[in-house]
Protein backbone atom coordinates (compact mmCIF):
# COMPACT_ATOMS: atom_id res chain seq x y z
CA UNK A 1 218.72 67.98 133.33
CA UNK A 2 216.58 67.16 136.15
CA UNK A 3 219.10 67.40 138.98
CA UNK A 4 219.65 71.18 137.73
CA UNK A 5 216.42 72.28 137.65
CA UNK A 6 215.49 70.87 141.06
CA UNK A 7 218.69 72.98 142.18
CA UNK A 8 218.12 76.19 139.53
CA UNK A 9 213.92 75.58 141.92
CA UNK A 10 215.82 75.60 145.60
CA UNK A 11 217.73 79.04 144.90
CA UNK A 12 215.26 81.59 143.56
CA UNK A 13 216.98 82.49 140.79
CA UNK A 14 219.41 80.65 138.08
CA UNK A 15 222.45 81.02 137.69
CA UNK A 16 222.99 80.67 134.00
CA UNK A 17 226.34 77.90 132.99
CA UNK A 18 228.43 80.57 131.79
CA UNK A 19 228.12 82.24 135.51
CA UNK A 20 229.29 78.57 136.53
CA UNK A 21 232.23 78.32 134.07
CA UNK A 22 233.28 81.61 135.12
CA UNK A 23 233.90 81.11 138.95
CA UNK A 24 236.00 78.00 137.40
CA UNK A 25 239.99 77.90 137.57
CA UNK A 26 241.89 77.02 134.76
CA UNK A 27 242.90 73.72 135.33
CA UNK A 28 239.31 72.81 136.36
CA UNK A 29 238.06 74.02 132.71
CA UNK A 30 240.76 72.08 131.18
CA UNK A 31 239.15 68.72 133.23
CA UNK A 32 235.72 69.55 132.32
CA UNK A 33 236.93 70.12 128.15
CA UNK A 34 239.10 66.98 128.03
CA UNK A 35 236.56 65.44 129.96
CA UNK A 36 233.10 66.62 128.00
CA UNK A 37 234.30 63.92 124.58
CA UNK A 38 232.97 61.21 127.36
CA UNK A 39 229.42 63.00 127.95
CA UNK A 40 230.56 64.89 131.46
CA UNK A 41 228.88 68.18 131.30
CA UNK A 42 229.32 71.21 134.47
CA UNK A 43 226.42 71.28 137.04
CA UNK A 44 226.56 73.53 139.20
CA UNK A 45 230.01 75.52 141.31
CA UNK A 46 230.12 75.18 145.02
CA UNK A 47 232.35 78.09 146.06
CA UNK A 48 234.37 76.40 148.81
CA UNK A 49 237.25 77.84 151.44
CA UNK A 50 239.32 75.66 149.16
CA UNK A 51 238.19 76.73 146.85
CA UNK A 52 235.52 76.65 143.49
CA UNK A 53 234.86 72.99 143.42
CA UNK A 54 232.72 71.89 140.87
CA UNK A 55 230.23 69.24 140.58
CA UNK A 56 230.06 67.77 136.80
CA UNK A 57 227.99 64.53 135.93
CA UNK A 58 228.04 62.04 132.92
CA UNK A 59 224.23 60.15 132.50
CA UNK A 60 223.76 59.97 136.16
CA UNK A 61 226.39 59.77 137.78
CA UNK A 62 227.92 62.67 139.67
CA UNK A 63 231.62 63.50 139.78
CA UNK A 64 233.30 66.49 140.74
CA UNK A 65 236.75 68.75 140.30
CA UNK A 66 238.67 70.34 142.31
CA UNK A 67 239.84 73.95 142.18
CA UNK A 68 243.55 72.15 140.73
CA UNK A 69 241.23 70.11 138.16
CA UNK A 70 241.72 67.06 140.09
CA UNK A 71 238.84 64.44 139.40
CA UNK A 72 236.89 62.72 141.86
CA UNK A 73 234.60 60.02 140.44
CA UNK A 74 233.55 58.49 143.33
CA UNK A 75 232.84 61.95 145.48
CA UNK A 76 230.46 61.50 148.53
CA UNK A 77 228.73 64.57 147.71
CA UNK A 78 224.54 63.84 148.12
CA UNK A 79 222.16 66.13 146.23
CA UNK A 80 218.83 67.31 148.42
CA UNK A 81 215.75 65.75 147.34
CA UNK A 82 213.39 68.43 145.79
């Protein structure tokens, strides 16, 4: 995906999908597993003081999963442009 590629380019070193997956809580993994059948995919995980925040996407629609597994389909986030 282009958005994920842009983020990887900014980091200098790209993290492998497994590294993002392993940094998620069990609740986040279950939520994403349930959403996967609808076409959602993991883009990356941000580490916040409140815990990991998974950024997921279905086509061009962004959603988040907090550390407790709660899904927000209308998050107030913006990804930086390249």
